[in-house]
């Protein structure tokens, strides 16, 4: 159905990398989700009131909240599609993360409400009425929710949309909840055991867990999560494919929402190369990386002395000294500046975030070891952190 609607309402529907196309998909899926959830709410509310089952009524109300979730996602996609403005020069793409978090909060809220109603049913158990018509309604609901899970998952991956993935998770938890309701109704009907409240309790705990997990996943990009290993490797491979670049470091990925990624990095180039030629290469990388990986890029050139035996030897020695402090340490931007009284060894040390040493301790420890070397050496060290 979604493919048919997309064929009708979305031009160039297969070009999911286009921001306008992904926003139209978001609005379409949101509107379709509102329609399906309102229909499910109506028929399940009727079934719940007829049977007297608190779990079916709660499931119906949950579908009504899902309609609200779909509305939130749809509005989020509309707002995320707005063009950059003076107050938001990087666009509004992160609104998708906000709406995904809002959907997660709705899931948690429904889990809490279902938990409360389940405890009430456990304290005052009643046998719900169960008929083949009610069973049929619940089965149809499960099938519809699984279909919604399928198309939201598929499009969520294709569009890299956290909002759609959260909506897909919501649909999956709904299908599980309805399946438990159906199972409890069948068990109560055939055995006479009043387990409606206990089944509702189990479903509520599952819904709460799913909501909390989804909230964490959607908060990570808002707080600034680490980019995927595959994305970092793709950037490194592309930049290093140019002959003038002999190394990269200080790579930082700034995520302003799907399709709005900015990266910055330092590219090491030979100090003996013509600066105008190298600058032209860097310009080409910055321009073409957007075509290749869909991100804006800013590159800082770091000249590196090559072929000087003394410099190469001291660079290797400083790397060994850094690793003697912590095996995970690496160095870059190494320069050796000789003076009349001493030689400055200038470099950056990359220390992981979980290193127990403070930046001051790192600098002092490595500096002391370098200054104990034969000759007169002085270390000028900056501590970097790995942002990827």
Protein backbone atom coordinates (compact mmCIF):
# COMPACT_ATOMS: atom_id res chain seq x y z
CA UNK A 1 0.00 0.00 0.00
CA UNK A 2 2.77 2.44 0.89
CA UNK A 3 4.49 1.74 -2.43
CA UNK A 4 1.25 2.45 -4.27
CA UNK A 5 0.68 5.70 -2.36
CA UNK A 6 4.30 6.71 -2.91
CA UNK A 7 3.94 6.10 -6.64
CA UNK A 8 0.91 8.42 -6.65
CA UNK A 9 2.09 11.23 -4.37
CA UNK A 10 5.93 11.23 -4.49
CA UNK A 11 7.83 12.08 -7.64
CA UNK A 12 11.27 10.50 -7.96
CA UNK A 13 10.29 8.24 -5.04
CA UNK A 14 13.37 6.01 -5.42
CA UNK A 15 15.78 8.90 -4.83
CA UNK A 16 15.70 8.56 -1.03
CA UNK A 17 18.91 10.60 -0.63
CA UNK A 18 17.00 13.71 -1.76
CA UNK A 19 15.84 15.65 1.32
CA UNK A 20 12.56 16.63 -0.34
CA UNK A 21 11.78 13.00 -1.16
CA UNK A 22 12.53 11.77 2.39
CA UNK A 23 10.35 14.52 3.87
CA UNK A 24 7.46 13.55 1.59
CA UNK A 25 7.88 9.92 2.69
CA UNK A 26 7.75 11.06 6.31
CA UNK A 27 4.52 12.98 5.79
CA UNK A 28 2.96 10.13 3.78
CA UNK A 29 3.83 7.46 6.36
CA UNK A 30 2.64 9.71 9.18
CA UNK A 31 -0.73 10.33 7.55
CA UNK A 32 -1.18 6.64 6.70
CA UNK A 33 -0.26 5.69 10.26
CA UNK A 34 -2.83 8.11 11.69
CA UNK A 35 -5.53 6.57 9.51
CA UNK A 36 -4.70 2.96 10.41
CA UNK A 37 -4.40 3.67 14.14
CA UNK A 38 -7.72 5.52 14.32
CA UNK A 39 -9.44 2.62 12.57
CA UNK A 40 -7.84 0.13 14.98
CA UNK A 41 -8.77 2.30 17.96
CA UNK A 42 -12.43 2.31 16.95
CA UNK A 43 -12.86 -1.41 16.40
CA UNK A 44 -10.77 -2.45 19.44
CA UNK A 45 -12.52 0.00 21.75
CA UNK A 46 -15.82 -1.49 20.69
CA UNK A 47 -14.47 -5.00 21.26
CA UNK A 48 -13.08 -4.06 24.67
CA UNK A 49 -16.30 -2.44 25.88
CA UNK A 50 -18.38 -5.39 24.70
CA UNK A 51 -16.11 -7.98 26.31
CA UNK A 52 -15.31 -6.00 29.47
CA UNK A 53 -11.58 -6.65 28.97
CA UNK A 54 -9.29 -3.99 30.44
CA UNK A 55 -6.38 -5.24 28.35
CA UNK A 56 -8.33 -4.80 25.10
CA UNK A 57 -9.50 -1.31 26.09
CA UNK A 58 -5.94 -0.39 27.07
CA UNK A 59 -4.73 -1.74 23.74
CA UNK A 60 -7.34 0.42 21.97
CA UNK A 61 -6.23 3.54 23.84
CA UNK A 62 -2.67 2.65 22.94
CA UNK A 63 -3.66 2.77 19.26
CA UNK A 64 -5.09 6.24 19.81
CA UNK A 65 -1.77 7.35 21.28
CA UNK A 66 -0.07 5.78 18.26
CA UNK A 67 -2.13 8.07 16.04
CA UNK A 68 -0.68 10.92 18.06
CA UNK A 69 2.81 9.47 17.58
CA UNK A 70 2.28 9.37 13.83
CA UNK A 71 1.08 12.98 13.92
CA UNK A 72 4.20 14.00 15.86
CA UNK A 73 6.44 12.22 13.33
CA UNK A 74 4.62 13.82 10.41
CA UNK A 75 4.93 17.31 11.91
CA UNK A 76 8.58 16.60 12.67
CA UNK A 77 9.30 15.72 9.05
CA UNK A 78 7.55 18.88 7.87
CA UNK A 79 9.57 21.05 10.27
CA UNK A 80 12.84 19.25 9.48
CA UNK A 81 12.32 20.08 5.81
CA UNK A 82 12.48 23.83 6.42
CA UNK A 83 15.38 25.65 4.83
CA UNK A 84 18.23 27.05 6.95
CA UNK A 85 17.59 30.50 8.37
CA UNK A 86 19.68 33.11 10.24
CA UNK A 87 18.80 31.53 13.61
CA UNK A 88 19.44 27.96 12.37
CA UNK A 89 22.18 28.16 9.72
CA UNK A 90 22.64 24.37 9.68
CA UNK A 91 18.96 23.69 8.99
CA UNK A 92 16.32 21.99 11.10
CA UNK A 93 17.21 18.33 10.52
CA UNK A 94 17.67 17.54 14.22
CA UNK A 95 13.94 18.05 14.72
CA UNK A 96 13.62 14.47 13.47
CA UNK A 97 15.60 13.32 16.50
CA UNK A 98 13.38 15.41 18.77
CA UNK A 99 10.21 13.90 17.32
CA UNK A 100 11.68 10.40 17.62
CA UNK A 101 12.33 11.13 21.30
CA UNK A 102 8.76 12.41 21.67
CA UNK A 103 7.43 9.14 20.23
CA UNK A 104 9.59 7.24 22.72
CA UNK A 105 8.10 9.28 25.56
CA UNK A 106 4.60 8.42 24.35
CA UNK A 107 5.54 4.73 24.37
CA UNK A 108 6.81 5.05 27.96
CA UNK A 109 3.68 6.94 29.03
CA UNK A 110 1.43 4.22 27.63
CA UNK A 111 3.54 1.58 29.36
CA UNK A 112 3.00 3.36 32.69
CA UNK A 113 -0.76 3.68 32.14
CA UNK A 114 -1.03 0.03 31.14
CA UNK A 115 0.98 -0.93 34.22
CA UNK A 116 -1.47 0.94 36.48
CA UNK A 117 -4.56 -0.59 34.87
CA UNK A 118 -3.00 -4.06 35.05
CA UNK A 119 -2.39 -3.74 38.81
CA UNK A 120 -6.03 -2.71 39.24
CA UNK A 121 -7.16 -5.76 37.29
CA UNK A 122 -4.90 -8.04 39.38
CA UNK A 123 -6.47 -6.68 42.59
CA UNK A 124 -9.99 -7.07 41.21
CA UNK A 125 -9.88 -9.92 38.64
CA UNK A 126 -12.84 -10.37 36.30
CA UNK A 127 -13.51 -12.78 33.51
CA UNK A 128 -13.73 -10.92 30.19
CA UNK A 129 -16.26 -11.94 27.57
CA UNK A 130 -14.68 -13.54 24.52
CA UNK A 131 -16.24 -14.26 21.12
CA UNK A 132 -14.92 -15.25 17.68
CA UNK A 133 -15.62 -11.71 16.47
CA UNK A 134 -13.37 -10.26 19.18
CA UNK A 135 -10.69 -12.82 18.33
CA UNK A 136 -10.92 -11.83 14.67
CA UNK A 137 -10.55 -8.12 15.53
CA UNK A 138 -7.44 -8.81 17.57
CA UNK A 139 -5.90 -10.96 14.83
CA UNK A 140 -6.53 -8.24 12.22
CA UNK A 141 -4.96 -5.70 14.57
CA UNK A 142 -1.82 -7.83 14.93
CA UNK A 143 -1.49 -8.18 11.15
CA UNK A 144 -1.97 -4.44 10.57
CA UNK A 145 0.58 -3.53 13.25
CA UNK A 146 3.14 -5.96 11.83
CA UNK A 147 2.61 -4.39 8.41
CA UNK A 148 3.19 -0.93 9.92
CA UNK A 149 6.34 -2.27 11.60
CA UNK A 150 7.54 -3.63 8.25
CA UNK A 151 7.12 -0.49 6.18
CA UNK A 152 8.38 1.87 8.88
CA UNK A 153 11.47 -0.30 9.42
CA UNK A 154 12.17 -0.55 5.70
CA UNK A 155 11.80 3.18 5.09
CA UNK A 156 13.55 4.05 8.36
CA UNK A 157 16.66 2.27 7.14
CA UNK A 158 16.42 3.63 3.60
CA UNK A 159 15.97 7.21 4.84
CA UNK A 160 18.20 6.94 7.94
CA UNK A 161 15.25 8.23 9.96
CA UNK A 162 15.26 7.80 13.72
CA UNK A 163 11.62 8.95 13.86
CA UNK A 164 10.50 6.16 11.53
CA UNK A 165 12.56 3.58 13.41
CA UNK A 166 10.93 4.68 16.69
CA UNK A 167 7.49 4.44 15.07
CA UNK A 168 8.38 0.97 13.78
CA UNK A 169 9.37 -0.11 17.28
CA UNK A 170 6.10 1.29 18.60
CA UNK A 171 4.17 -0.78 16.05
CA UNK A 172 6.10 -3.91 16.97
CA UNK A 173 5.42 -3.49 20.69
CA UNK A 174 1.74 -2.96 19.87
CA UNK A 175 1.60 -6.21 17.91
CA UNK A 176 3.21 -8.08 20.81
CA UNK A 177 0.82 -6.45 23.27
CA UNK A 178 -2.20 -7.41 21.19
CA UNK A 179 -0.86 -10.96 20.76
CA UNK A 180 -0.59 -11.28 24.56
CA UNK A 181 -4.12 -9.91 24.95
CA UNK A 182 -5.39 -12.50 22.46
CA UNK A 183 -3.50 -15.31 24.19
CA UNK A 184 -4.77 -14.30 27.64
CA UNK A 185 -8.35 -14.09 26.37
CA UNK A 186 -8.10 -17.58 24.85
CA UNK A 187 -6.56 -19.02 28.03
CA UNK A 188 -9.21 -17.39 30.22
CA UNK A 189 -12.00 -18.59 27.91
CA UNK A 190 -10.89 -22.23 27.86
CA UNK A 191 -9.52 -22.61 31.41
CA UNK A 192 -11.51 -20.10 33.44
CA UNK A 193 -8.28 -18.56 34.82
CA UNK A 194 -8.47 -14.78 35.32
CA UNK A 195 -5.04 -13.84 33.96
CA UNK A 196 -6.02 -10.68 32.11
CA UNK A 197 -4.28 -8.41 34.63
CA UNK A 198 -1.10 -10.50 34.77
CA UNK A 199 -0.80 -10.53 30.99
CA UNK A 200 -1.35 -6.78 30.95
CA UNK A 201 1.46 -6.45 33.50
CA UNK A 202 3.85 -8.43 31.29
CA UNK A 203 2.94 -6.34 28.26
CA UNK A 204 3.39 -3.06 30.17
CA UNK A 205 6.91 -4.05 31.24
CA UNK A 206 7.79 -4.95 27.65
CA UNK A 207 6.41 -1.62 26.40
CA UNK A 208 8.36 0.31 29.06
CA UNK A 209 11.60 -1.46 28.14
CA UNK A 210 11.08 -0.76 24.44
CA UNK A 211 10.26 2.90 25.11
CA UNK A 212 13.32 3.46 27.30
CA UNK A 213 15.60 1.75 24.76
CA UNK A 214 14.16 3.85 21.94
CA UNK A 215 14.58 7.05 23.99
CA UNK A 216 18.27 6.27 24.54
CA UNK A 217 18.81 5.61 20.84
CA UNK A 218 17.21 8.91 19.86
CA UNK A 219 19.00 10.94 22.53
CA UNK A 220 22.47 9.81 21.41
CA UNK A 221 22.59 11.87 18.18
CA UNK A 222 21.20 14.90 20.02
CA UNK A 223 23.98 14.66 22.60
CA UNK A 224 26.61 14.03 19.92
CA UNK A 225 27.20 10.33 19.42
CA UNK A 226 30.22 8.76 17.79
CA UNK A 227 29.84 8.18 14.02
CA UNK A 228 29.74 4.65 12.70
CA UNK A 229 33.01 2.87 11.99
CA UNK A 230 31.95 2.34 8.37
CA UNK A 231 31.34 6.06 7.83
CA UNK A 232 34.71 7.01 9.31
CA UNK A 233 36.48 4.41 7.17
CA UNK A 234 34.72 5.72 4.05
CA UNK A 235 35.94 9.26 4.81
CA UNK A 236 39.50 8.11 5.47
CA UNK A 237 39.59 5.97 2.32
CA UNK A 238 38.33 8.82 0.14
CA UNK A 239 40.73 11.46 1.51
CA UNK A 240 43.73 9.11 1.46
CA UNK A 241 43.02 8.23 -2.20
CA UNK A 242 44.72 11.52 -3.18
CA UNK A 243 48.48 11.27 -3.65
CA UNK A 244 49.26 14.55 -1.89
CA UNK A 245 47.69 13.32 1.37
CA UNK A 246 50.03 11.14 3.46
CA UNK A 247 47.89 10.93 6.59
CA UNK A 248 44.84 12.35 8.36
CA UNK A 249 43.92 13.04 11.97
CA UNK A 250 41.61 15.16 14.15
CA UNK A 251 38.58 13.95 12.18
CA UNK A 252 35.36 15.35 13.67
CA UNK A 253 31.85 14.56 12.37
CA UNK A 254 29.09 17.07 13.11
CA UNK A 255 25.59 15.62 12.67
CA UNK A 256 22.85 18.22 12.13
CA UNK A 257 20.27 15.69 11.04
CA UNK A 258 19.88 13.28 8.11
CA UNK A 259 21.46 14.76 5.00
CA UNK A 260 23.09 17.57 6.99
CA UNK A 261 26.50 16.29 8.03
CA UNK A 262 29.61 18.45 8.31
CA UNK A 263 33.10 17.07 8.86
CA UNK A 264 36.44 18.66 9.66
CA UNK A 265 39.86 17.03 9.57
CA UNK A 266 43.58 17.67 9.36
CA UNK A 267 45.34 16.34 6.27
CA UNK A 268 49.08 15.71 6.47
CA UNK A 269 50.98 16.77 3.36
CA UNK A 270 54.65 16.83 2.50
CA UNK A 271 56.38 20.02 3.65
CA UNK A 272 58.46 19.92 0.46
CA UNK A 273 55.41 20.11 -1.83
CA UNK A 274 54.33 23.29 -3.61
CA UNK A 275 51.73 24.92 -1.36
CA UNK A 276 49.57 26.13 -4.27
CA UNK A 277 49.42 22.63 -5.79
CA UNK A 278 48.54 21.05 -2.44
CA UNK A 279 45.94 23.72 -1.75
CA UNK A 280 44.28 22.89 -5.08
CA UNK A 281 44.19 19.20 -4.08
CA UNK A 282 42.58 20.05 -0.73
CA UNK A 283 39.97 22.21 -2.48
CA UNK A 284 39.12 19.30 -4.79
CA UNK A 285 38.71 16.93 -1.82
CA UNK A 286 36.41 19.36 0.00
CA UNK A 287 34.27 19.78 -3.11
CA UNK A 288 34.10 16.14 -4.21
CA UNK A 289 33.56 14.54 -0.81
CA UNK A 290 30.09 16.08 -0.73
CA UNK A 291 29.26 14.36 -4.01
CA UNK A 292 30.68 11.05 -2.76
CA UNK A 293 29.50 10.92 0.85
CA UNK A 294 26.89 13.67 1.09
CA UNK A 295 28.68 15.81 3.66
CA UNK A 296 30.25 19.26 3.78
CA UNK A 297 33.95 19.20 4.58
CA UNK A 298 36.58 21.59 5.95
CA UNK A 299 40.22 20.45 5.79
CA UNK A 300 43.24 21.95 7.54
CA UNK A 301 46.63 21.26 5.93
CA UNK A 302 49.43 20.04 8.20
CA UNK A 303 52.89 20.08 6.53
CA UNK A 304 55.03 17.11 7.54
CA UNK A 305 58.80 16.89 7.04
CA UNK A 306 59.72 13.73 5.16
CA UNK A 307 63.09 12.18 4.36
CA UNK A 308 65.01 13.81 7.22
CA UNK A 309 66.69 11.01 9.18
CA UNK A 310 66.99 12.96 12.46
CA UNK A 311 63.35 14.04 12.39
CA UNK A 312 62.11 10.54 11.51
CA UNK A 313 64.18 9.00 14.30
CA UNK A 314 62.90 11.43 16.94
CA UNK A 315 59.31 10.98 15.73
CA UNK A 316 59.56 7.22 16.19
CA UNK A 317 61.20 7.67 19.58
CA UNK A 318 58.48 10.04 20.81
CA UNK A 319 55.84 7.58 19.61
CA UNK A 320 57.50 4.80 21.64
CA UNK A 321 57.68 7.06 24.70
CA UNK A 322 53.98 7.92 24.36
CA UNK A 323 53.05 4.25 24.10
CA UNK A 324 55.17 3.44 27.13
CA UNK A 325 52.77 5.65 29.11
CA UNK A 326 49.65 4.11 27.53
CA UNK A 327 49.70 1.57 24.71
CA UNK A 328 46.71 3.31 23.09
CA UNK A 329 48.44 6.68 22.71
CA UNK A 330 49.35 7.91 19.22
CA UNK A 331 51.06 11.13 18.12
CA UNK A 332 50.76 13.43 15.10
CA UNK A 333 51.75 16.92 13.90
CA UNK A 334 55.35 16.17 14.86
CA UNK A 335 57.89 18.93 14.31
CA UNK A 336 61.49 19.29 15.46
CA UNK A 337 62.78 22.85 15.84
CA UNK A 338 66.47 23.19 16.66
CA UNK A 339 67.69 26.18 18.65
CA UNK A 340 71.04 27.36 20.03
CA UNK A 341 70.50 25.86 23.49
CA UNK A 342 67.94 23.07 22.97
CA UNK A 343 65.68 21.33 20.47
CA UNK A 344 61.89 21.65 20.70
CA UNK A 345 59.93 18.49 19.92
CA UNK A 346 56.41 19.68 19.12
CA UNK A 347 53.56 17.19 18.68
CA UNK A 348 50.00 16.21 19.68
CA UNK A 349 49.14 13.11 21.72
CA UNK A 350 45.81 11.39 21.10
CA UNK A 351 44.54 9.97 24.40
CA UNK A 352 41.29 7.97 24.70
CA UNK A 353 38.49 9.43 26.84
CA UNK A 354 38.71 6.60 29.37
CA UNK A 355 42.41 7.24 30.08
CA UNK A 356 42.85 7.54 33.85
CA UNK A 357 45.59 10.16 33.55
CA UNK A 358 44.64 13.81 33.38
CA UNK A 359 45.87 15.92 30.48
CA UNK A 360 48.41 17.57 32.78
CA UNK A 361 49.68 14.17 33.94
CA UNK A 362 50.00 12.97 30.35
CA UNK A 363 52.00 16.02 29.33
CA UNK A 364 54.25 15.97 32.40
CA UNK A 365 54.96 12.21 32.19
CA UNK A 366 55.87 12.22 28.48
CA UNK A 367 57.81 15.49 28.80
CA UNK A 368 59.92 14.12 31.67
CA UNK A 369 60.87 11.06 29.63
CA UNK A 370 61.78 13.15 26.59
CA UNK A 371 63.86 15.60 28.62
CA UNK A 372 65.82 12.68 30.11
CA UNK A 373 67.05 11.68 26.64
CA UNK A 374 70.69 12.39 25.69
CA UNK A 375 71.09 15.92 24.41
CA UNK A 376 68.94 18.91 25.25
CA UNK A 377 65.31 18.32 24.26
CA UNK A 378 62.16 20.13 25.33
CA UNK A 379 58.67 18.75 24.66
CA UNK A 380 55.78 20.99 23.56
CA UNK A 381 52.72 18.73 23.77
CA UNK A 382 48.98 19.15 23.14
CA UNK A 383 46.53 16.43 24.17
CA UNK A 384 43.81 15.51 21.65
CA UNK A 385 40.84 13.20 22.04
CA UNK A 386 39.54 10.70 19.46
CA UNK A 387 36.15 12.03 18.30
CA UNK A 388 35.56 9.15 15.89
